[in-house]
Protein backbone atom coordinates (compact mmCIF):
# COMPACT_ATOMS: atom_id res chain seq x y z
CA MET A 1 97.52 66.06 115.54
CA LYS A 2 98.49 64.92 111.69
CA ILE A 3 100.53 67.43 109.12
CA LEU A 4 100.06 67.22 105.24
CA VAL A 5 103.40 66.68 103.37
CA HIS A 6 103.85 65.86 99.91
CA LYS A 7 100.08 65.26 99.34
CA ARG A 8 100.25 62.78 102.33
CA LYS A 9 98.86 62.63 106.05
CA TYR A 10 101.04 61.97 109.02
CA GLU A 11 100.80 61.65 112.58
CA VAL A 12 103.10 64.05 114.41
CA ILE A 13 104.75 62.30 117.15
CA LYS A 14 105.22 64.86 119.91
CA SER A 15 107.95 63.37 122.10
CA PRO A 16 110.80 64.17 122.48
CA GLN A 17 110.48 66.78 119.59
CA PRO A 18 107.56 66.67 117.46
CA HIS A 19 108.62 64.44 114.37
CA ILE A 20 106.94 62.19 111.92
CA LEU A 21 107.81 58.83 110.76
CA VAL A 22 108.21 58.24 106.71
CA PRO A 23 108.92 55.35 105.08
CA THR A 24 111.99 55.96 102.32
CA ARG A 25 113.71 54.60 99.75
CA LYS A 26 116.34 57.05 98.99
CA GLN A 27 119.74 56.30 98.28
CA LEU A 28 123.21 56.40 99.13
CA HIS A 29 125.03 59.23 97.26
CA GLY A 30 128.03 61.43 97.14
CA TRP A 31 128.87 65.10 96.94
CA TRP A 32 126.15 67.37 95.47
CA PRO A 33 126.31 69.05 92.08
CA GLY A 34 128.35 72.37 91.47
CA LYS A 35 131.17 73.84 93.36
CA ARG A 36 132.91 71.30 95.44
CA GLU A 37 135.50 71.66 97.91
CA CYS A 38 135.76 68.25 99.85
CA THR A 39 138.84 66.25 98.84
CA SER A 40 137.75 62.77 99.45
CA GLU A 41 134.97 61.03 97.85
CA ARG A 42 131.80 60.31 100.50
CA MET A 43 128.67 58.30 100.64
CA LEU A 44 126.54 60.93 102.47
CA ILE A 45 123.58 59.67 105.10
CA ASN A 46 121.08 61.47 106.07
CA PRO A 47 118.70 59.52 108.57
CA TYR A 48 116.82 63.04 109.75
CA ASN A 49 115.55 65.78 107.77
CA GLY A 50 115.58 68.53 110.73
CA CYS A 51 117.59 69.10 113.49
CA GLY A 52 116.82 69.50 116.80
CA ILE A 53 119.82 71.41 118.15
CA GLY A 54 118.52 74.31 116.76
CA CYS A 55 121.13 76.45 114.95
CA PHE A 56 119.26 79.56 113.57
CA PHE A 57 121.93 79.68 110.96
CA CYS A 58 121.60 76.15 109.63
CA TYR A 59 121.76 76.30 106.14
CA ALA A 60 119.32 73.09 105.86
CA ARG A 61 116.68 75.40 106.45
CA ALA A 62 116.72 76.89 103.09
CA PHE A 63 116.43 73.00 101.96
CA PRO A 64 113.54 72.55 99.87
CA GLY A 65 111.31 69.07 100.47
CA TYR A 66 110.73 67.68 104.39
CA PHE A 67 113.36 70.03 105.13
CA ARG A 68 111.33 72.77 104.23
CA THR A 69 108.73 71.26 106.35
CA PHE A 70 111.02 71.24 109.22
CA ARG A 71 111.49 75.30 108.47
CA ASP A 72 107.83 75.97 108.31
CA SER A 73 106.33 73.27 111.04
CA GLY A 74 109.28 72.46 112.91
CA VAL A 75 108.52 68.56 112.71
CA ILE A 76 111.57 66.70 112.04
CA THR A 77 111.01 63.70 109.33
CA VAL A 78 112.55 60.51 110.12
CA ALA A 79 113.13 58.02 107.75
CA LYS A 80 111.61 54.90 108.90
CA ASP A 81 114.38 51.90 109.40
CA PHE A 82 117.17 53.63 107.42
CA ASP A 83 119.40 51.62 108.59
CA GLN A 84 117.81 48.60 106.71
CA ILE A 85 118.08 50.34 103.51
CA VAL A 86 121.44 51.62 103.99
CA ALA A 87 122.43 47.89 104.69
CA GLU A 88 120.71 46.23 101.24
CA GLN A 89 122.08 49.42 99.45
CA LEU A 90 125.67 48.34 100.93
CA ASP A 91 125.11 44.62 99.80
CA SER A 92 124.25 45.78 96.38
CA ILE A 93 128.02 47.06 95.81
CA ASP A 94 131.36 46.04 95.77
CA ILE A 95 132.76 49.36 95.74
CA ALA A 96 132.32 51.90 98.60
CA ALA A 97 133.88 55.26 99.92
CA CYS A 98 133.63 56.41 103.65
CA GLY A 99 130.28 57.05 105.02
CA TYR A 100 129.54 60.77 106.21
CA LEU A 101 126.73 60.99 108.79
CA SER A 102 125.53 63.63 108.46
CA PRO A 103 126.31 66.47 105.92
CA VAL A 104 123.11 68.14 106.72
CA THR A 105 121.82 67.59 110.32
CA ASP A 106 122.97 66.13 113.91
CA PRO A 107 123.27 62.78 113.84
CA PHE A 108 122.97 62.61 117.87
CA GLN A 109 120.25 65.25 118.21
CA SER A 110 117.80 64.41 121.18
CA LEU A 111 115.52 62.67 118.45
CA ASN A 112 117.90 59.75 117.81
CA ALA A 113 117.61 58.63 121.72
CA LYS A 114 114.67 57.62 120.42
CA TYR A 115 115.40 55.58 117.11
CA HIS A 116 118.96 55.34 117.57
CA LEU A 117 119.34 55.29 113.52
CA SER A 118 122.52 56.55 113.68
CA GLU A 119 124.22 54.05 115.87
CA LYS A 120 122.57 51.38 113.83
CA ILE A 121 124.13 53.10 110.55
CA ILE A 122 127.52 53.24 111.87
CA ARG A 123 126.62 49.46 112.87
CA VAL A 124 125.93 48.47 109.73
CA PHE A 125 129.20 50.37 107.77
CA VAL A 126 131.08 48.85 110.64
CA GLU A 127 130.17 45.13 110.15
CA ARG A 128 131.39 45.65 106.75
CA ASN A 129 134.51 47.01 107.68
CA ILE A 130 133.46 50.25 105.83
CA PRO A 131 134.80 53.09 107.11
CA ILE A 132 132.47 55.98 108.24
CA GLU A 133 132.60 59.15 109.70
CA PHE A 134 130.28 61.35 111.92
CA ILE A 135 129.81 65.46 112.63
CA THR A 136 128.45 66.63 115.77
CA LYS A 137 127.62 69.35 118.42
CA ALA A 138 126.12 67.09 120.61
CA PRO A 139 127.20 64.22 123.41
CA ILE A 140 128.52 61.09 121.16
CA PRO A 141 126.74 57.85 122.73
CA GLU A 142 129.00 55.55 124.37
CA GLU A 143 128.01 52.83 122.05
CA VAL A 144 129.31 55.06 118.80
CA ILE A 145 132.65 55.07 120.38
CA ASP A 146 132.89 51.48 120.76
CA LEU A 147 131.54 50.67 116.97
CA ILE A 148 133.99 53.60 115.49
CA LYS A 149 137.34 52.37 117.13
CA GLN A 150 136.64 48.60 115.55
CA GLN A 151 137.40 50.34 112.44
CA SER A 152 140.54 52.07 111.43
CA HIS A 153 139.66 54.57 109.07
CA SER A 154 136.41 55.58 111.10
CA PHE A 155 136.89 58.88 112.56
CA GLY A 156 134.61 61.65 114.43
CA GLN A 157 134.21 65.40 114.11
CA VAL A 158 133.41 67.44 116.86
CA SER A 159 131.86 71.10 116.02
CA ILE A 160 132.88 73.78 118.88
CA LEU A 161 132.19 77.25 118.05
CA THR A 162 133.43 79.10 120.99
CA LEU A 163 134.94 78.79 124.59
CA LYS A 164 131.97 81.20 125.61
CA GLU A 165 128.99 79.55 127.25
CA ASP A 166 126.68 82.23 127.03
CA LEU A 167 127.56 82.46 123.33
CA ARG A 168 126.96 78.89 122.74
CA LYS A 169 123.66 79.12 124.42
CA ILE A 170 122.74 81.38 121.75
CA LEU A 171 124.11 79.89 118.61
CA VAL A 172 123.72 76.18 119.48
CA PRO A 173 121.10 76.36 122.31
CA ARG A 174 120.06 72.54 122.23
CA GLY A 175 123.77 71.21 121.33
CA ALA A 176 126.22 69.76 124.24
CA SER A 177 128.41 72.47 126.36
CA THR A 178 131.81 73.17 125.21
CA ASP A 179 133.13 71.06 128.39
CA LEU A 180 131.35 68.14 126.97
CA LEU A 181 132.25 68.84 123.77
CA LEU A 182 135.95 68.87 124.68
CA GLN A 183 134.93 65.84 126.52
CA ASN A 184 133.63 64.08 123.29
CA LEU A 185 137.38 64.90 121.71
CA GLU A 186 139.23 63.33 124.63
CA LYS A 187 137.15 60.33 124.48
CA LEU A 188 137.67 60.04 120.82
CA THR A 189 141.33 60.18 121.08
CA GLN A 190 142.05 58.20 124.45
CA GLU A 191 140.23 55.18 121.98
CA GLY A 192 142.88 55.99 119.27
CA ILE A 193 140.10 57.17 117.21
CA PHE A 194 140.90 60.28 114.32
CA ALA A 195 139.52 63.52 116.10
CA VAL A 196 138.63 66.64 114.26
CA CYS A 197 137.63 69.84 115.37
CA ARG A 198 135.75 72.14 113.58
CA ILE A 199 135.31 75.66 114.85
CA ASP A 200 132.78 75.78 111.90
CA PRO A 201 131.56 78.70 111.44
CA ILE A 202 132.97 81.60 112.81
CA PHE A 203 130.76 84.61 113.70
CA PRO A 204 131.84 87.92 112.53
CA TYR A 205 132.45 90.36 115.15
CA VAL A 206 131.11 87.69 117.63
CA THR A 207 133.27 84.83 118.01
CA ASP A 208 136.39 86.14 115.16
CA LYS A 209 138.63 87.48 118.03
CA ILE A 210 142.18 86.05 116.98
CA LYS A 211 142.91 85.74 120.88
CA GLU A 212 140.10 83.89 121.40
CA LEU A 213 140.44 81.61 118.54
CA VAL A 214 144.08 80.87 119.59
CA GLU A 215 142.54 80.00 123.17
CA LEU A 216 140.28 77.70 121.67
CA ILE A 217 142.71 76.30 119.71
CA GLU A 218 145.01 75.22 122.24
CA ARG A 219 142.25 73.49 124.40
CA ILE A 220 141.23 71.60 121.28
CA LYS A 221 145.13 70.50 121.17
CA SER A 222 145.47 69.96 124.70
CA HIS A 223 142.51 67.14 124.29
CA GLY A 224 144.52 65.22 121.57
CA VAL A 225 143.12 66.50 118.38
CA SER A 226 145.63 67.40 115.48
CA HIS A 227 143.55 68.84 112.93
CA ILE A 228 141.20 71.92 112.43
CA VAL A 229 138.79 72.91 109.89
CA THR A 230 136.66 76.25 109.76
CA SER A 231 134.56 78.68 107.86
CA ILE A 232 133.23 81.91 107.99
CA LEU A 233 129.49 81.91 108.38
CA ASP A 234 127.71 82.14 105.04
CA ILE A 235 124.17 83.29 104.70
CA PRO A 236 121.81 81.25 102.20
CA LEU A 237 119.62 83.88 100.63
CA LYS A 238 116.46 82.11 101.32
CA ILE A 239 117.01 82.52 104.95
CA LYS A 240 118.67 85.70 104.85
CA ARG A 241 116.20 87.57 106.65
CA ASP A 242 115.61 84.77 109.50
CA VAL A 243 119.50 85.10 110.26
CA PHE A 244 119.89 88.89 110.19
CA SER A 245 116.46 89.21 112.31
CA THR A 246 118.14 86.81 114.84
CA ILE A 247 121.65 88.63 114.69
CA LYS A 248 119.68 91.65 115.69
CA LYS A 249 117.47 89.97 118.55
CA TYR A 250 120.73 89.05 120.47
CA PHE A 251 123.32 90.93 119.59
CA GLY A 252 121.77 94.32 118.76
CA VAL A 253 120.91 96.87 115.83
CA ALA A 254 124.70 98.15 115.37
CA MET A 255 125.74 94.62 114.40
CA GLU A 256 122.97 93.62 111.96
CA TRP A 257 124.09 96.36 110.33
CA ASP A 258 127.48 95.55 110.37
CA TYR A 259 126.53 92.04 108.60
CA GLN A 260 124.50 93.62 106.03
CA ARG A 261 127.69 95.83 105.08
CA LEU A 262 129.95 92.55 105.34
CA TYR A 263 127.70 90.23 103.84
CA ARG A 264 127.66 91.46 100.01
CA GLU A 265 129.02 88.60 97.65
CA ASN A 266 126.37 86.22 96.62
CA ILE A 267 128.17 82.84 95.35
CA ASN A 268 125.83 80.34 94.04
CA GLY A 269 122.75 81.39 96.52
CA TYR A 270 124.97 82.06 99.42
CA LEU A 271 125.91 85.42 100.72
CA ASN A 272 129.52 85.41 101.81
CA ALA A 273 131.10 87.77 104.28
CA ASP A 274 134.21 90.17 102.22
CA ILE A 275 136.90 88.40 100.87
CA SER A 276 139.48 90.43 102.42
CA TYR A 277 137.86 89.91 105.75
CA ARG A 278 137.31 86.11 105.43
CA LYS A 279 141.05 86.05 104.27
CA ARG A 280 142.53 87.93 107.12
CA ILE A 281 140.79 85.48 109.46
CA PHE A 282 141.76 82.35 107.86
CA ASP A 283 145.48 83.77 107.17
CA GLY A 284 145.41 84.00 110.86
CA LEU A 285 143.95 81.06 111.78
CA ARG A 286 146.18 78.49 109.83
CA ASN A 287 149.44 80.56 111.37
CA ALA A 288 148.10 79.99 114.66
CA CYS A 289 147.47 75.85 113.48
CA GLU A 290 151.46 75.50 111.96
CA ARG A 291 152.69 77.25 115.18
CA LYS A 292 151.32 74.43 117.56
CA ASN A 293 151.99 71.78 114.96
CA LEU A 294 148.16 71.63 113.35
CA THR A 295 147.06 70.56 109.90
CA PHE A 296 144.16 73.04 109.16
CA ALA A 297 142.00 73.56 106.20
CA LEU A 298 138.54 75.37 105.14
CA CYS A 299 135.09 73.64 104.70
CA MET A 300 132.89 75.07 101.64
CA GLU A 301 134.66 78.16 101.37
CA TYR A 302 134.92 80.47 97.92
CA GLU A 303 135.87 83.56 96.29
CA LEU A 304 134.89 84.93 92.73
CA GLU A 305 137.74 85.55 90.22
CA LYS A 306 136.29 87.31 87.36
CA GLY A 307 133.17 85.36 87.64
CA GLU A 308 134.49 82.31 88.14
CA ILE A 309 134.03 80.34 92.02
CA ILE A 310 137.90 79.33 93.53
CA GLY A 311 138.06 77.38 96.02
CA LEU A 312 140.00 78.69 98.98
CA ASN A 313 141.45 75.37 100.23
CA GLN A 314 144.46 75.53 97.56
CA GLU A 315 145.73 78.74 99.45
CA PHE A 316 145.10 78.03 103.04
CA MET A 317 145.06 74.16 103.49
CA SER A 318 148.01 72.75 104.95
CA SER A 319 146.73 69.03 104.67
CA ARG A 320 146.30 66.94 101.87
CA ASN A 321 142.79 65.75 102.72
CA CYS A 322 140.25 69.04 103.83
CA GLU A 323 139.42 66.24 106.70
CA GLY A 324 142.88 65.78 107.81
CA ILE A 325 142.90 62.18 107.25
CA ASP A 326 143.55 59.91 103.94
CA ILE A 327 141.29 57.37 103.52
CA PRO A 328 141.46 54.89 100.14
CA LEU A 329 138.43 53.57 98.47
CA TYR A 330 137.39 50.42 99.99
CA LYS A 331 136.70 47.26 97.93
CA ARG A 332 134.56 44.01 98.67
CA GLU A 333 136.45 40.52 99.63
CA GLY A 334 133.60 38.23 100.56
CA LYS A 335 131.23 39.82 103.06
CA LYS A 336 133.39 42.46 104.14
CA PHE A 337 134.99 45.59 102.39
CA TYR A 338 139.33 46.53 102.54
CA PRO A 339 141.00 48.91 101.47
CA ALA A 340 141.37 48.53 97.16
CA VAL A 341 144.50 49.88 97.41
CA ASP A 342 147.27 52.26 99.29
CA CYS A 343 146.43 55.54 98.25
CA THR A 344 146.03 58.77 99.59
CA GLY A 345 142.29 58.98 98.74
CA ASP A 346 142.02 62.91 97.81
CA CYS A 347 140.13 61.92 94.46
CA LEU A 348 139.50 66.13 93.98
CA TYR A 349 142.86 66.41 92.87
CA CYS A 350 143.58 62.76 91.25
CA THR A 351 144.83 62.48 87.61
CA ASP A 352 146.05 58.60 88.07
CA PRO A 353 143.51 56.45 89.67
CA ARG A 354 145.58 53.69 91.27
CA CYS A 355 142.04 52.36 92.28
CA GLY A 356 141.38 51.55 88.72
CA ILE A 357 138.29 53.86 88.37
CA GLU A 358 138.64 56.49 85.71
CA ASP A 359 135.71 58.39 87.15
CA LEU A 360 137.18 59.37 90.08
CA ALA A 361 140.36 60.57 88.73
CA MET A 362 138.84 64.53 89.03
CA GLY A 363 141.81 66.32 89.10
CA ARG A 364 141.16 65.76 85.20
CA GLU A 365 139.92 69.07 83.34
CA SER A 366 136.11 69.10 83.11
CA SER A 367 135.54 65.92 85.21
CA LYS A 368 132.13 65.16 86.94
CA LYS A 369 132.24 65.61 90.45
CA ASP A 370 128.95 64.23 92.14
CA TRP A 371 128.26 60.53 92.23
CA ARG A 372 125.24 58.07 93.28
CA LEU A 373 124.51 54.61 93.97
CA LYS A 374 124.25 53.78 90.68
CA ASP A 375 127.79 54.87 89.73
CA TYR A 376 129.24 52.75 92.82
CA ARG A 377 127.20 49.83 90.82
CA GLN A 378 128.61 50.36 87.96
CA TRP A 379 131.90 50.81 89.47
CA SER A 380 131.26 47.14 90.98
CA LYS A 381 130.29 45.80 87.59
CA GLU A 382 133.53 47.11 86.03
CA ALA A 383 135.56 45.67 89.10
CA LYS A 384 134.43 42.15 88.51
CA ARG A 385 134.91 42.08 84.76
CA LYS A 386 138.18 43.37 85.61
CA SER A 387 139.17 40.74 88.41
CA SER A 388 137.78 37.65 86.01
CA LYS A 389 139.65 38.83 83.18
CA MET A 390 142.84 38.23 85.50
CA LEU A 391 141.42 35.04 86.70
CA PHE A 392 140.39 33.96 83.09
CA PRO A 393 142.57 35.92 80.31
CA ASP A 394 141.95 36.07 77.14
CA PRO A 395 143.39 33.11 74.70
CA MET A 396 146.58 34.32 72.95
């Protein structure tokens, strides 16, 4: 069977899930243009366009390109030999931020067991001593643990939505069981790897009971976690009907109506739950985390204030960085990279860049906040020029 994608035909490989192998020259890049709450700079990596975990609410289903192919046909696009492309790009720069695997699809979905792109990419980063993080709802491969623990600023995030396994099977049907996800956290912390748990997203009227959320937080803490990230489900307008129909299918017509009443606020193409509802949940969770000596942050949560989009982390976050860990920028020294400076890595709020890269002082008014590989290359050239001037100063 073949499929037509972007005017080219590709053979669909059926096992373990329908997918196509596509040559790629896509580049590492930073956060997307537009609203941003992520405090630290990251290099985003997506080896798979589409995801076998099966979350009906996944915002990637609203994306164009190969993600649209996945939405329409269920066929996942695999970036062929992407680890080699990533290696070439890292070798072309002298300034690097922490890698992020992956902001859109699960790096350890079942298809990864066939291609192992995620492990290969992690190895590429660790061999160069560049930090990398991952987010998953699947079991973490042992090789990943062994690699990640070799790099002091690398870490892992595990998403757990509920302790109720029957609900988990509806919300994350092909993800790991809750027990396995808790084991993920324990494996990380036992190896001395910083671990974050994401209760992300919370589903109104389904997984939002504060007593159950506190119980989940207690279980998470017992496995060595010290930082929680959360959000409440937002719904891309492009998949609104699909999300509401799935809510109706599993939770009934009355629940669908409740969602339609609650989700009235359109922020940049996403329906958000009523702001007073969201703030009530976030206030309760932050207080619960503080009582248990855990730090707390939100992921991509906003409100509209006089037409302006305002991030909610300034009101609710208790850590310096939204992921709970301070990671500086890294700079090449020979074949490997090392922390460029002893900074806290919160570029979004920075006004005086100790790293020397003025662009990354994003706390300044009207500053740019989205970066591409070409920017990293430009910063690398500037760093070389500065280094050369220090070695060979201009004559007096």
